[in-house]
PDB file of N, CA and C in Angstrom:
ATOM      1  N   MET A   1      22.847  53.316 -26.470  1.00  0.00           N
ATOM      2  CA  MET A   1      23.468  52.775 -27.765  1.00  0.00           C
ATOM      3  C   MET A   1      24.763  52.989 -27.807  1.00  0.00           C
ATOM      4  N   ARG A   2      25.547  51.858 -28.390  1.00  0.00           N
ATOM      5  CA  ARG A   2      27.064  52.055 -28.445  1.00  0.00           C
ATOM      6  C   ARG A   2      27.266  52.878 -29.697  1.00  0.00           C
ATOM      7  N   SER A   3      28.364  53.744 -29.661  1.00  0.00           N
ATOM      8  CA  SER A   3      28.678  54.366 -30.859  1.00  0.00           C
ATOM      9  C   SER A   3      29.614  53.971 -31.811  1.00  0.00           C
ATOM     10  N   LEU A   4      29.988  52.793 -31.617  1.00  0.00           N
ATOM     11  CA  LEU A   4      30.984  52.124 -32.633  1.00  0.00           C
ATOM     12  C   LEU A   4      30.289  51.208 -33.537  1.00  0.00           C
ATOM     13  N   SER A   5      30.927  51.233 -34.794  1.00  0.00           N
ATOM     14  CA  SER A   5      30.528  50.194 -35.927  1.00  0.00           C
ATOM     15  C   SER A   5      31.663  49.306 -36.086  1.00  0.00           C
ATOM     16  N   VAL A   6      31.354  47.983 -36.173  1.00  0.00           N
ATOM     17  CA  VAL A   6      32.302  46.921 -36.069  1.00  0.00           C
ATOM     18  C   VAL A   6      32.210  46.123 -37.441  1.00  0.00           C
ATOM     19  N   PHE A   7      33.333  45.841 -37.892  1.00  0.00           N
ATOM     20  CA  PHE A   7      33.385  45.046 -39.193  1.00  0.00           C
ATOM     21  C   PHE A   7      34.092  43.823 -38.767  1.00  0.00           C
ATOM     22  N   LEU A   8      33.383  42.773 -38.886  1.00  0.00           N
ATOM     23  CA  LEU A   8      33.746  41.279 -38.628  1.00  0.00           C
ATOM     24  C   LEU A   8      34.114  40.408 -39.831  1.00  0.00           C
ATOM     25  N   VAL A   9      35.589  40.131 -39.986  1.00  0.00           N
ATOM     26  CA  VAL A   9      35.857  39.068 -41.114  1.00  0.00           C
ATOM     27  C   VAL A   9      36.232  37.922 -40.312  1.00  0.00           C
ATOM     28  N   GLU A  10      35.348  36.938 -40.874  1.00  0.00           N
ATOM     29  CA  GLU A  10      35.501  35.472 -40.394  1.00  0.00           C
ATOM     30  C   GLU A  10      34.503  34.568 -41.299  1.00  0.00           C
ATOM     31  N   ASN A  11      35.262  33.313 -41.558  1.00  0.00           N
ATOM     32  CA  ASN A  11      34.603  32.538 -42.438  1.00  0.00           C
ATOM     33  C   ASN A  11      33.905  31.477 -41.637  1.00  0.00           C
ATOM     34  N   HIS A  12      33.958  31.090 -40.380  1.00  0.00           N
ATOM     35  CA  HIS A  12      33.389  30.137 -39.728  1.00  0.00           C
ATOM     36  C   HIS A  12      31.885  30.425 -39.345  1.00  0.00           C
ATOM     37  N   GLU A  13      30.889  30.012 -39.971  1.00  0.00           N
ATOM     38  CA  GLU A  13      29.335  30.540 -39.862  1.00  0.00           C
ATOM     39  C   GLU A  13      29.038  30.338 -38.506  1.00  0.00           C
ATOM     40  N   ASP A  14      29.293  29.373 -37.645  1.00  0.00           N
ATOM     41  CA  ASP A  14      28.930  29.586 -36.253  1.00  0.00           C
ATOM     42  C   ASP A  14      29.317  30.852 -35.477  1.00  0.00           C
ATOM     43  N   THR A  15      30.605  31.004 -35.616  1.00  0.00           N
ATOM     44  CA  THR A  15      31.307  31.894 -35.035  1.00  0.00           C
ATOM     45  C   THR A  15      30.764  33.349 -35.328  1.00  0.00           C
ATOM     46  N   VAL A  16      30.582  33.361 -36.847  1.00  0.00           N
ATOM     47  CA  VAL A  16      30.151  34.676 -37.223  1.00  0.00           C
ATOM     48  C   VAL A  16      28.550  34.957 -36.653  1.00  0.00           C
ATOM     49  N   ARG A  17      27.565  33.776 -36.466  1.00  0.00           N
ATOM     50  CA  ARG A  17      26.624  33.995 -35.933  1.00  0.00           C
ATOM     51  C   ARG A  17      26.375  34.434 -34.623  1.00  0.00           C
ATOM     52  N   TYR A  18      27.321  33.728 -33.809  1.00  0.00           N
ATOM     53  CA  TYR A  18      27.293  34.222 -32.347  1.00  0.00           C
ATOM     54  C   TYR A  18      27.902  35.604 -32.056  1.00  0.00           C
ATOM     55  N   MET A  19      28.974  36.006 -32.762  1.00  0.00           N
ATOM     56  CA  MET A  19      29.652  37.149 -32.536  1.00  0.00           C
ATOM     57  C   MET A  19      28.659  38.249 -33.114  1.00  0.00           C
ATOM     58  N   GLN A  20      28.415  38.163 -34.414  1.00  0.00           N
ATOM     59  CA  GLN A  20      27.255  39.119 -34.937  1.00  0.00           C
ATOM     60  C   GLN A  20      26.143  39.352 -33.718  1.00  0.00           C
ATOM     61  N   LEU A  21      25.295  38.336 -33.520  1.00  0.00           N
ATOM     62  CA  LEU A  21      24.234  38.434 -32.248  1.00  0.00           C
ATOM     63  C   LEU A  21      24.834  39.164 -31.130  1.00  0.00           C
ATOM     64  N   TYR A  22      25.913  38.545 -30.480  1.00  0.00           N
ATOM     65  CA  TYR A  22      26.388  39.202 -29.271  1.00  0.00           C
ATOM     66  C   TYR A  22      26.847  40.753 -29.379  1.00  0.00           C
ATOM     67  N   LEU A  23      27.386  41.040 -30.493  1.00  0.00           N
ATOM     68  CA  LEU A  23      27.558  42.471 -30.742  1.00  0.00           C
ATOM     69  C   LEU A  23      26.353  43.226 -31.033  1.00  0.00           C
ATOM     70  N   GLU A  24      25.574  42.935 -31.679  1.00  0.00           N
ATOM     71  CA  GLU A  24      24.376  43.679 -31.921  1.00  0.00           C
ATOM     72  C   GLU A  24      23.690  43.678 -30.789  1.00  0.00           C
ATOM     73  N   GLN A  25      23.467  42.779 -29.909  1.00  0.00           N
ATOM     74  CA  GLN A  25      22.879  42.877 -28.604  1.00  0.00           C
ATOM     75  C   GLN A  25      23.425  43.825 -27.711  1.00  0.00           C
ATOM     76  N   LEU A  26      24.575  43.942 -27.851  1.00  0.00           N
ATOM     77  CA  LEU A  26      25.411  45.233 -27.090  1.00  0.00           C
ATOM     78  C   LEU A  26      25.049  46.507 -27.472  1.00  0.00           C
ATOM     79  N   GLY A  27      24.597  46.540 -28.780  1.00  0.00           N
ATOM     80  CA  GLY A  27      24.241  48.042 -29.429  1.00  0.00           C
ATOM     81  C   GLY A  27      25.206  48.275 -30.531  1.00  0.00           C
ATOM     82  N   TYR A  28      26.012  47.314 -30.978  1.00  0.00           N
ATOM     83  CA  TYR A  28      27.119  47.655 -31.898  1.00  0.00           C
ATOM     84  C   TYR A  28      26.341  47.640 -33.457  1.00  0.00           C
ATOM     85  N   GLN A  29      26.768  48.365 -34.362  1.00  0.00           N
ATOM     86  CA  GLN A  29      26.572  47.915 -35.575  1.00  0.00           C
ATOM     87  C   GLN A  29      27.330  46.940 -36.191  1.00  0.00           C
ATOM     88  N   VAL A  30      27.019  46.068 -36.952  1.00  0.00           N
ATOM     89  CA  VAL A  30      28.121  45.085 -37.317  1.00  0.00           C
ATOM     90  C   VAL A  30      27.822  44.675 -38.748  1.00  0.00           C
ATOM     91  N   SER A  31      29.151  44.709 -39.535  1.00  0.00           N
ATOM     92  CA  SER A  31      29.124  44.480 -41.023  1.00  0.00           C
ATOM     93  C   SER A  31      29.958  43.179 -41.127  1.00  0.00           C
ATOM     94  N   VAL A  32      29.713  42.202 -41.725  1.00  0.00           N
ATOM     95  CA  VAL A  32      30.529  40.890 -41.871  1.00  0.00           C
ATOM     96  C   VAL A  32      30.979  40.674 -43.383  1.00  0.00           C
ATOM     97  N   ALA A  33      32.125  39.887 -43.493  1.00  0.00           N
ATOM     98  CA  ALA A  33      32.611  39.512 -44.576  1.00  0.00           C
ATOM     99  C   ALA A  33      33.267  38.161 -44.214  1.00  0.00           C
ATOM    100  N   ALA A  34      33.092  37.166 -45.150  1.00  0.00           N
ATOM    101  CA  ALA A  34      33.487  35.840 -44.846  1.00  0.00           C
ATOM    102  C   ALA A  34      34.927  35.621 -45.497  1.00  0.00           C
ATOM    103  N   ASP A  35      35.616  36.356 -46.096  1.00  0.00           N
ATOM    104  CA  ASP A  35      36.810  36.411 -46.823  1.00  0.00           C
ATOM    105  C   ASP A  35      37.410  37.529 -47.050  1.00  0.00           C
ATOM    106  N   MET A  36      38.746  37.474 -47.372  1.00  0.00           N
ATOM    107  CA  MET A  36      39.702  38.811 -47.432  1.00  0.00           C
ATOM    108  C   MET A  36      38.945  39.489 -48.765  1.00  0.00           C
ATOM    109  N   GLY A  37      38.670  38.898 -49.855  1.00  0.00           N
ATOM    110  CA  GLY A  37      38.317  39.631 -51.067  1.00  0.00           C
ATOM    111  C   GLY A  37      37.181  40.490 -50.769  1.00  0.00           C
ATOM    112  N   THR A  38      36.220  39.924 -50.102  1.00  0.00           N
ATOM    113  CA  THR A  38      34.986  40.661 -49.714  1.00  0.00           C
ATOM    114  C   THR A  38      35.199  41.724 -48.679  1.00  0.00           C
ATOM    115  N   ALA A  39      36.006  41.495 -47.620  1.00  0.00           N
ATOM    116  CA  ALA A  39      36.493  42.706 -46.959  1.00  0.00           C
ATOM    117  C   ALA A  39      37.249  43.680 -47.504  1.00  0.00           C
ATOM    118  N   LEU A  40      38.052  43.546 -48.410  1.00  0.00           N
ATOM    119  CA  LEU A  40      38.852  44.590 -49.093  1.00  0.00           C
ATOM    120  C   LEU A  40      37.925  45.294 -49.923  1.00  0.00           C
ATOM    121  N   ARG A  41      36.885  44.944 -50.352  1.00  0.00           N
ATOM    122  CA  ARG A  41      35.628  45.422 -51.379  1.00  0.00           C
ATOM    123  C   ARG A  41      34.941  46.312 -50.271  1.00  0.00           C
ATOM    124  N   GLU A  42      34.547  45.935 -49.122  1.00  0.00           N
ATOM    125  CA  GLU A  42      33.477  46.379 -48.474  1.00  0.00           C
ATOM    126  C   GLU A  42      33.966  47.414 -47.201  1.00  0.00           C
ATOM    127  N   ILE A  43      35.273  47.145 -46.641  1.00  0.00           N
ATOM    128  CA  ILE A  43      35.675  48.058 -45.482  1.00  0.00           C
ATOM    129  C   ILE A  43      35.898  49.496 -45.953  1.00  0.00           C
ATOM    130  N   PRO A  44      36.491  49.829 -47.130  1.00  0.00           N
ATOM    131  CA  PRO A  44      36.720  51.037 -47.459  1.00  0.00           C
ATOM    132  C   PRO A  44      35.522  51.973 -47.294  1.00  0.00           C
ATOM    133  N   ASN A  45      34.459  51.446 -47.809  1.00  0.00           N
ATOM    134  CA  ASN A  45      33.223  52.135 -47.709  1.00  0.00           C
ATOM    135  C   ASN A  45      32.207  51.967 -46.454  1.00  0.00           C
ATOM    136  N   SER A  46      32.834  51.240 -45.570  1.00  0.00           N
ATOM    137  CA  SER A  46      31.881  50.815 -44.540  1.00  0.00           C
ATOM    138  C   SER A  46      32.248  51.956 -43.211  1.00  0.00           C
ATOM    139  N   HIS A  47      33.179  52.648 -43.279  1.00  0.00           N
ATOM    140  CA  HIS A  47      33.473  53.644 -42.266  1.00  0.00           C
ATOM    141  C   HIS A  47      33.472  53.168 -41.043  1.00  0.00           C
ATOM    142  N   CYS A  48      34.053  51.842 -40.802  1.00  0.00           N
ATOM    143  CA  CYS A  48      34.043  51.245 -39.411  1.00  0.00           C
ATOM    144  C   CYS A  48      34.853  51.653 -38.664  1.00  0.00           C
ATOM    145  N   ASP A  49      34.511  51.627 -37.259  1.00  0.00           N
ATOM    146  CA  ASP A  49      35.420  52.149 -36.217  1.00  0.00           C
ATOM    147  C   ASP A  49      36.508  50.931 -35.867  1.00  0.00           C
ATOM    148  N   VAL A  50      35.958  49.773 -35.762  1.00  0.00           N
ATOM    149  CA  VAL A  50      36.827  48.649 -35.333  1.00  0.00           C
ATOM    150  C   VAL A  50      36.689  47.508 -36.345  1.00  0.00           C
ATOM    151  N   LEU A  51      37.922  47.015 -36.638  1.00  0.00           N
ATOM    152  CA  LEU A  51      37.991  45.822 -37.515  1.00  0.00           C
ATOM    153  C   LEU A  51      38.201  44.494 -36.341  1.00  0.00           C
ATOM    154  N   ILE A  52      37.442  43.580 -36.464  1.00  0.00           N
ATOM    155  CA  ILE A  52      37.898  42.343 -36.030  1.00  0.00           C
ATOM    156  C   ILE A  52      37.946  41.370 -37.106  1.00  0.00           C
ATOM    157  N   SER A  53      39.105  40.605 -37.148  1.00  0.00           N
ATOM    158  CA  SER A  53      39.404  39.599 -38.179  1.00  0.00           C
ATOM    159  C   SER A  53      40.050  38.380 -37.749  1.00  0.00           C
ATOM    160  N   ASP A  54      39.661  37.386 -38.164  1.00  0.00           N
ATOM    161  CA  ASP A  54      40.494  36.086 -38.134  1.00  0.00           C
ATOM    162  C   ASP A  54      41.547  35.972 -38.893  1.00  0.00           C
ATOM    163  N   ILE A  55      42.559  35.438 -38.218  1.00  0.00           N
ATOM    164  CA  ILE A  55      43.995  35.430 -39.007  1.00  0.00           C
ATOM    165  C   ILE A  55      43.748  34.442 -40.341  1.00  0.00           C
ATOM    166  N   GLY A  56      43.104  33.394 -39.956  1.00  0.00           N
ATOM    167  CA  GLY A  56      42.997  32.311 -41.251  1.00  0.00           C
ATOM    168  C   GLY A  56      41.777  32.699 -41.863  1.00  0.00           C
ATOM    169  N   LEU A  57      41.985  33.082 -43.038  1.00  0.00           N
ATOM    170  CA  LEU A  57      41.084  33.347 -43.953  1.00  0.00           C
ATOM    171  C   LEU A  57      40.993  32.407 -45.214  1.00  0.00           C
ATOM    172  N   PRO A  58      39.923  32.088 -45.922  1.00  0.00           N
ATOM    173  CA  PRO A  58      40.135  31.008 -46.878  1.00  0.00           C
ATOM    174  C   PRO A  58      40.702  31.633 -48.094  1.00  0.00           C
ATOM    175  N   ASP A  59      41.177  32.929 -48.447  1.00  0.00           N
ATOM    176  CA  ASP A  59      41.749  33.600 -49.441  1.00  0.00           C
ATOM    177  C   ASP A  59      43.031  34.240 -49.111  1.00  0.00           C
ATOM    178  N   GLY A  60      43.410  34.032 -47.855  1.00  0.00           N
ATOM    179  CA  GLY A  60      44.712  34.737 -47.371  1.00  0.00           C
ATOM    180  C   GLY A  60      44.567  34.719 -46.005  1.00  0.00           C
ATOM    181  N   ASP A  61      45.166  35.703 -45.374  1.00  0.00           N
ATOM    182  CA  ASP A  61      45.073  35.740 -43.904  1.00  0.00           C
ATOM    183  C   ASP A  61      44.934  37.244 -43.338  1.00  0.00           C
ATOM    184  N   GLY A  62      44.625  37.496 -42.147  1.00  0.00           N
ATOM    185  CA  GLY A  62      44.459  38.673 -41.508  1.00  0.00           C
ATOM    186  C   GLY A  62      45.381  39.537 -41.753  1.00  0.00           C
ATOM    187  N   TRP A  63      46.763  39.092 -41.628  1.00  0.00           N
ATOM    188  CA  TRP A  63      47.821  39.944 -41.545  1.00  0.00           C
ATOM    189  C   TRP A  63      48.040  40.673 -43.174  1.00  0.00           C
ATOM    190  N   GLN A  64      47.702  39.730 -44.076  1.00  0.00           N
ATOM    191  CA  GLN A  64      47.635  40.418 -45.576  1.00  0.00           C
ATOM    192  C   GLN A  64      46.580  41.453 -45.642  1.00  0.00           C
ATOM    193  N   LEU A  65      45.388  41.068 -45.096  1.00  0.00           N
ATOM    194  CA  LEU A  65      44.410  41.978 -45.148  1.00  0.00           C
ATOM    195  C   LEU A  65      44.649  43.280 -44.514  1.00  0.00           C
ATOM    196  N   MET A  66      45.380  43.366 -43.496  1.00  0.00           N
ATOM    197  CA  MET A  66      45.923  44.721 -42.900  1.00  0.00           C
ATOM    198  C   MET A  66      46.734  45.356 -43.890  1.00  0.00           C
ATOM    199  N   GLU A  67      47.696  44.784 -44.406  1.00  0.00           N
ATOM    200  CA  GLU A  67      48.654  45.175 -45.372  1.00  0.00           C
ATOM    201  C   GLU A  67      47.785  45.822 -46.622  1.00  0.00           C
ATOM    202  N   LYS A  68      46.877  45.081 -47.165  1.00  0.00           N
ATOM    203  CA  LYS A  68      46.355  45.567 -48.411  1.00  0.00           C
ATOM    204  C   LYS A  68      45.355  46.511 -48.061  1.00  0.00           C
ATOM    205  N   LEU A  69      44.711  46.649 -46.921  1.00  0.00           N
ATOM    206  CA  LEU A  69      43.861  47.651 -46.739  1.00  0.00           C
ATOM    207  C   LEU A  69      44.692  49.150 -46.618  1.00  0.00           C
ATOM    208  N   GLY A  70      45.908  49.033 -46.213  1.00  0.00           N
ATOM    209  CA  GLY A  70      46.505  50.371 -46.392  1.00  0.00           C
ATOM    210  C   GLY A  70      45.968  51.498 -45.649  1.00  0.00           C
ATOM    211  N   SER A  71      45.765  52.666 -46.428  1.00  0.00           N
ATOM    212  CA  SER A  71      44.973  53.851 -45.669  1.00  0.00           C
ATOM    213  C   SER A  71      43.802  53.743 -45.203  1.00  0.00           C
ATOM    214  N   HIS A  72      42.955  52.447 -45.694  1.00  0.00           N
ATOM    215  CA  HIS A  72      41.561  52.526 -45.385  1.00  0.00           C
ATOM    216  C   HIS A  72      41.519  51.414 -44.022  1.00  0.00           C
ATOM    217  N   ARG A  73      42.493  51.374 -43.577  1.00  0.00           N
ATOM    218  CA  ARG A  73      42.489  50.427 -42.066  1.00  0.00           C
ATOM    219  C   ARG A  73      41.614  51.339 -40.898  1.00  0.00           C
ATOM    220  N   PRO A  74      40.977  50.608 -40.533  1.00  0.00           N
ATOM    221  CA  PRO A  74      39.919  51.318 -39.193  1.00  0.00           C
ATOM    222  C   PRO A  74      40.833  51.522 -38.130  1.00  0.00           C
ATOM    223  N   ARG A  75      40.480  52.448 -37.409  1.00  0.00           N
ATOM    224  CA  ARG A  75      41.617  53.188 -36.414  1.00  0.00           C
ATOM    225  C   ARG A  75      41.961  52.102 -35.308  1.00  0.00           C
ATOM    226  N   PHE A  76      40.988  50.925 -35.128  1.00  0.00           N
ATOM    227  CA  PHE A  76      41.084  50.180 -34.130  1.00  0.00           C
ATOM    228  C   PHE A  76      40.941  49.042 -34.667  1.00  0.00           C
ATOM    229  N   ALA A  77      41.994  47.784 -34.569  1.00  0.00           N
ATOM    230  CA  ALA A  77      42.001  46.513 -35.024  1.00  0.00           C
ATOM    231  C   ALA A  77      42.181  45.419 -34.092  1.00  0.00           C
ATOM    232  N   ILE A  78      41.355  44.268 -34.020  1.00  0.00           N
ATOM    233  CA  ILE A  78      41.539  43.324 -33.156  1.00  0.00           C
ATOM    234  C   ILE A  78      41.755  41.974 -34.140  1.00  0.00           C
ATOM    235  N   ALA A  79      42.872  41.135 -33.990  1.00  0.00           N
ATOM    236  CA  ALA A  79      43.072  40.210 -34.494  1.00  0.00           C
ATOM    237  C   ALA A  79      42.526  38.810 -33.639  1.00  0.00           C
ATOM    238  N   MET A  80      41.969  37.886 -34.349  1.00  0.00           N
ATOM    239  CA  MET A  80      41.629  36.681 -33.766  1.00  0.00           C
ATOM    240  C   MET A  80      42.121  35.474 -34.305  1.00  0.00           C
ATOM    241  N   SER A  81      42.592  34.381 -33.529  1.00  0.00           N
ATOM    242  CA  SER A  81      43.243  33.363 -34.066  1.00  0.00           C
ATOM    243  C   SER A  81      43.232  31.915 -32.942  1.00  0.00           C
ATOM    244  N   GLY A  82      43.242  30.918 -33.365  1.00  0.00           N
ATOM    245  CA  GLY A  82      43.418  29.833 -32.601  1.00  0.00           C
ATOM    246  C   GLY A  82      44.783  29.676 -32.337  1.00  0.00           C
ATOM    247  N   TYR A  83      45.719  30.377 -32.776  1.00  0.00           N
ATOM    248  CA  TYR A  83      47.099  30.120 -32.603  1.00  0.00           C
ATOM    249  C   TYR A  83      47.448  31.615 -31.492  1.00  0.00           C
ATOM    250  N   GLY A  84      48.229  31.397 -30.569  1.00  0.00           N
ATOM    251  CA  GLY A  84      48.344  32.609 -29.932  1.00  0.00           C
ATOM    252  C   GLY A  84      50.016  32.668 -29.381  1.00  0.00           C
ATOM    253  N   SER A  85      50.808  31.932 -30.106  1.00  0.00           N
ATOM    254  CA  SER A  85      52.290  32.042 -29.752  1.00  0.00           C
ATOM    255  C   SER A  85      52.797  33.664 -29.854  1.00  0.00           C
ATOM    256  N   SER A  86      53.782  33.746 -28.982  1.00  0.00           N
ATOM    257  CA  SER A  86      54.526  34.941 -29.268  1.00  0.00           C
ATOM    258  C   SER A  86      54.874  35.737 -30.428  1.00  0.00           C
ATOM    259  N   ASN A  87      55.222  34.675 -31.415  1.00  0.00           N
ATOM    260  CA  ASN A  87      55.443  35.040 -32.468  1.00  0.00           C
ATOM    261  C   ASN A  87      54.302  35.441 -33.391  1.00  0.00           C
ATOM    262  N   ASP A  88      53.126  34.755 -33.290  1.00  0.00           N
ATOM    263  CA  ASP A  88      51.611  35.085 -33.884  1.00  0.00           C
ATOM    264  C   ASP A  88      51.328  36.467 -33.346  1.00  0.00           C
ATOM    265  N   GLN A  89      51.661  36.693 -32.152  1.00  0.00           N
ATOM    266  CA  GLN A  89      51.027  38.046 -31.489  1.00  0.00           C
ATOM    267  C   GLN A  89      51.897  39.258 -32.137  1.00  0.00           C
ATOM    268  N   ARG A  90      53.314  39.019 -32.350  1.00  0.00           N
ATOM    269  CA  ARG A  90      54.048  39.840 -32.698  1.00  0.00           C
ATOM    270  C   ARG A  90      53.596  40.115 -34.259  1.00  0.00           C
ATOM    271  N   LYS A  91      53.409  39.102 -34.911  1.00  0.00           N
ATOM    272  CA  LYS A  91      53.154  39.447 -36.413  1.00  0.00           C
ATOM    273  C   LYS A  91      51.905  40.190 -36.421  1.00  0.00           C
ATOM    274  N   SER A  92      50.786  40.099 -35.553  1.00  0.00           N
ATOM    275  CA  SER A  92      49.663  40.925 -35.551  1.00  0.00           C
ATOM    276  C   SER A  92      49.821  42.216 -35.003  1.00  0.00           C
ATOM    277  N   ARG A  93      50.624  42.491 -34.182  1.00  0.00           N
ATOM    278  CA  ARG A  93      51.077  43.765 -33.760  1.00  0.00           C
ATOM    279  C   ARG A  93      51.892  44.374 -35.227  1.00  0.00           C
ATOM    280  N   ALA A  94      52.983  43.904 -35.604  1.00  0.00           N
ATOM    281  CA  ALA A  94      53.692  44.470 -36.862  1.00  0.00           C
ATOM    282  C   ALA A  94      52.603  44.613 -37.832  1.00  0.00           C
ATOM    283  N   ALA A  95      51.548  43.763 -38.150  1.00  0.00           N
ATOM    284  CA  ALA A  95      50.532  44.146 -39.165  1.00  0.00           C
ATOM    285  C   ALA A  95      49.676  45.436 -39.014  1.00  0.00           C
ATOM    286  N   GLY A  96      49.632  45.804 -37.783  1.00  0.00           N
ATOM    287  CA  GLY A  96      48.851  46.869 -37.418  1.00  0.00           C
ATOM    288  C   GLY A  96      47.489  46.380 -36.400  1.00  0.00           C
ATOM    289  N   TYR A  97      47.460  45.396 -36.035  1.00  0.00           N
ATOM    290  CA  TYR A  97      46.390  44.950 -35.034  1.00  0.00           C
ATOM    291  C   TYR A  97      46.859  45.769 -33.717  1.00  0.00           C
ATOM    292  N   ASP A  98      45.831  46.290 -33.079  1.00  0.00           N
ATOM    293  CA  ASP A  98      45.967  46.620 -31.683  1.00  0.00           C
ATOM    294  C   ASP A  98      46.181  45.572 -30.610  1.00  0.00           C
ATOM    295  N   HIS A  99      45.462  44.465 -30.834  1.00  0.00           N
ATOM    296  CA  HIS A  99      45.359  43.214 -29.957  1.00  0.00           C
ATOM    297  C   HIS A  99      45.106  42.047 -30.795  1.00  0.00           C
ATOM    298  N   HIS A 100      45.702  40.959 -30.064  1.00  0.00           N
ATOM    299  CA  HIS A 100      45.423  39.572 -30.625  1.00  0.00           C
ATOM    300  C   HIS A 100      44.721  38.720 -29.627  1.00  0.00           C
ATOM    301  N   LEU A 101      43.510  38.264 -29.858  1.00  0.00           N
ATOM    302  CA  LEU A 101      42.871  37.486 -29.046  1.00  0.00           C
ATOM    303  C   LEU A 101      42.988  36.023 -29.504  1.00  0.00           C
ATOM    304  N   VAL A 102      43.250  35.120 -28.659  1.00  0.00           N
ATOM    305  CA  VAL A 102      43.365  33.679 -28.930  1.00  0.00           C
ATOM    306  C   VAL A 102      42.057  33.026 -28.598  1.00  0.00           C
ATOM    307  N   LYS A 103      41.482  32.193 -29.802  1.00  0.00           N
ATOM    308  CA  LYS A 103      40.275  31.630 -29.577  1.00  0.00           C
ATOM    309  C   LYS A 103      40.480  30.165 -29.047  1.00  0.00           C
ATOM    310  N   PRO A 104      39.665  29.636 -28.098  1.00  0.00           N
ATOM    311  CA  PRO A 104      38.496  30.494 -27.839  1.00  0.00           C
ATOM    312  C   PRO A 104      38.467  31.533 -26.717  1.00  0.00           C
ATOM    313  N   PHE A 105      37.884  32.790 -27.032  1.00  0.00           N
ATOM    314  CA  PHE A 105      38.120  33.729 -25.857  1.00  0.00           C
ATOM    315  C   PHE A 105      36.759  34.039 -25.169  1.00  0.00           C
ATOM    316  N   ILE A 106      36.756  34.548 -23.795  1.00  0.00           N
ATOM    317  CA  ILE A 106      35.346  34.494 -23.200  1.00  0.00           C
ATOM    318  C   ILE A 106      35.097  36.066 -23.855  1.00  0.00           C
ATOM    319  N   PRO A 107      33.722  36.348 -23.772  1.00  0.00           N
ATOM    320  CA  PRO A 107      33.089  37.425 -24.247  1.00  0.00           C
ATOM    321  C   PRO A 107      33.381  38.642 -23.619  1.00  0.00           C
ATOM    322  N   GLY A 108      33.761  38.389 -22.359  1.00  0.00           N
ATOM    323  CA  GLY A 108      34.243  39.758 -21.431  1.00  0.00           C
ATOM    324  C   GLY A 108      35.644  40.387 -22.180  1.00  0.00           C
ATOM    325  N   ALA A 109      36.492  39.457 -22.525  1.00  0.00           N
ATOM    326  CA  ALA A 109      37.624  39.670 -23.255  1.00  0.00           C
ATOM    327  C   ALA A 109      37.473  40.600 -24.487  1.00  0.00           C
ATOM    328  N   LEU A 110      36.635  40.340 -25.136  1.00  0.00           N
ATOM    329  CA  LEU A 110      36.245  40.910 -26.348  1.00  0.00           C
ATOM    330  C   LEU A 110      35.562  42.334 -26.038  1.00  0.00           C
ATOM    331  N   LEU A 111      34.574  42.286 -25.290  1.00  0.00           N
ATOM    332  CA  LEU A 111      34.065  43.554 -24.584  1.00  0.00           C
ATOM    333  C   LEU A 111      34.943  44.640 -23.965  1.00  0.00           C
ATOM    334  N   ALA A 112      35.939  44.289 -23.202  1.00  0.00           N
ATOM    335  CA  ALA A 112      36.948  45.107 -22.811  1.00  0.00           C
ATOM    336  C   ALA A 112      37.817  45.716 -23.820  1.00  0.00           C
ATOM    337  N   LEU A 113      37.982  44.936 -24.902  1.00  0.00           N
ATOM    338  CA  LEU A 113      38.833  45.565 -26.070  1.00  0.00           C
ATOM    339  C   LEU A 113      37.718  46.621 -26.751  1.00  0.00           C
ATOM    340  N   LEU A 114      36.716  46.167 -26.816  1.00  0.00           N
ATOM    341  CA  LEU A 114      35.658  47.252 -27.371  1.00  0.00           C
ATOM    342  C   LEU A 114      35.490  48.453 -26.627  1.00  0.00           C
ATOM    343  N   SER A 115      35.335  48.378 -25.391  1.00  0.00           N
ATOM    344  CA  SER A 115      35.483  49.600 -24.338  1.00  0.00           C
ATOM    345  C   SER A 115      36.787  50.276 -24.650  1.00  0.00           C
ATOM    346  N   GLU A 116      37.770  49.743 -24.931  1.00  0.00           N
ATOM    347  CA  GLU A 116      39.054  50.667 -25.171  1.00  0.00           C
ATOM    348  C   GLU A 116      38.962  51.163 -26.408  1.00  0.00           C
ATOM    349  N   ALA A 117      38.483  50.538 -27.366  1.00  0.00           N
ATOM    350  CA  ALA A 117      38.150  51.314 -28.661  1.00  0.00           C
ATOM    351  C   ALA A 117      37.215  52.402 -28.604  1.00  0.00           C
ATOM    352  N   GLU A 118      36.112  52.134 -27.738  1.00  0.00           N
ATOM    353  CA  GLU A 118      35.227  53.423 -27.633  1.00  0.00           C
ATOM    354  C   GLU A 118      35.894  54.733 -26.961  1.00  0.00           C
ATOM    355  N   LYS A 119      36.730  54.188 -25.831  1.00  0.00           N
ATOM    356  CA  LYS A 119      37.439  55.322 -25.169  1.00  0.00           C
ATOM    357  C   LYS A 119      38.581  56.164 -26.096  1.00  0.00           C
ATOM    358  N   SER A 120      39.145  55.307 -26.996  1.00  0.00           N
ATOM    359  CA  SER A 120      40.090  56.102 -27.822  1.00  0.00           C
ATOM    360  C   SER A 120      39.383  56.707 -28.904  1.00  0.00           C
ATOM    361  N   LYS A 121      38.168  56.415 -28.962  1.00  0.00           N
ATOM    362  CA  LYS A 121      37.380  57.230 -30.169  1.00  0.00           C
ATOM    363  C   LYS A 121      36.986  58.541 -29.537  1.00  0.00           C
ATOM    364  N   GLU A 122      36.851  58.781 -28.317  1.00  0.00           N
ATOM    365  CA  GLU A 122      36.507  59.728 -27.599  1.00  0.00           C
ATOM    366  C   GLU A 122      37.617  60.842 -27.422  1.00  0.00           C
ATOM    367  N   THR A 123      38.843  60.410 -27.798  1.00  0.00           N
ATOM    368  CA  THR A 123      39.893  61.146 -27.478  1.00  0.00           C
ATOM    369  C   THR A 123      40.576  61.843 -28.909  1.00  0.00           C
TER     370      THR A 123
END
């Protein structure tokens, strides 16, 4: 059983369904929010290890989410976006994300980042 709990912030229903199923099959505990407001209410009490958030949210963006979470940010965060310019990636890093995945990405790319998060948790 994987030791990480993942909080997924994504408003596209098919993406949520696929990612949640994939992550749960790998043994991760997964919580989901479809918008920034819900994520801001639920993340502080979730004690999640990893945040995976889309940048484009219906009530803000993933960069604002990280800013508003402040000290409640999970220790490892992955941004997802259909946009992957160097500026987008810089903004994600500046906001506090450890990585910026460009959609569509292969499942192995996400798995590699989660493995990195697992290793960083052990240290």
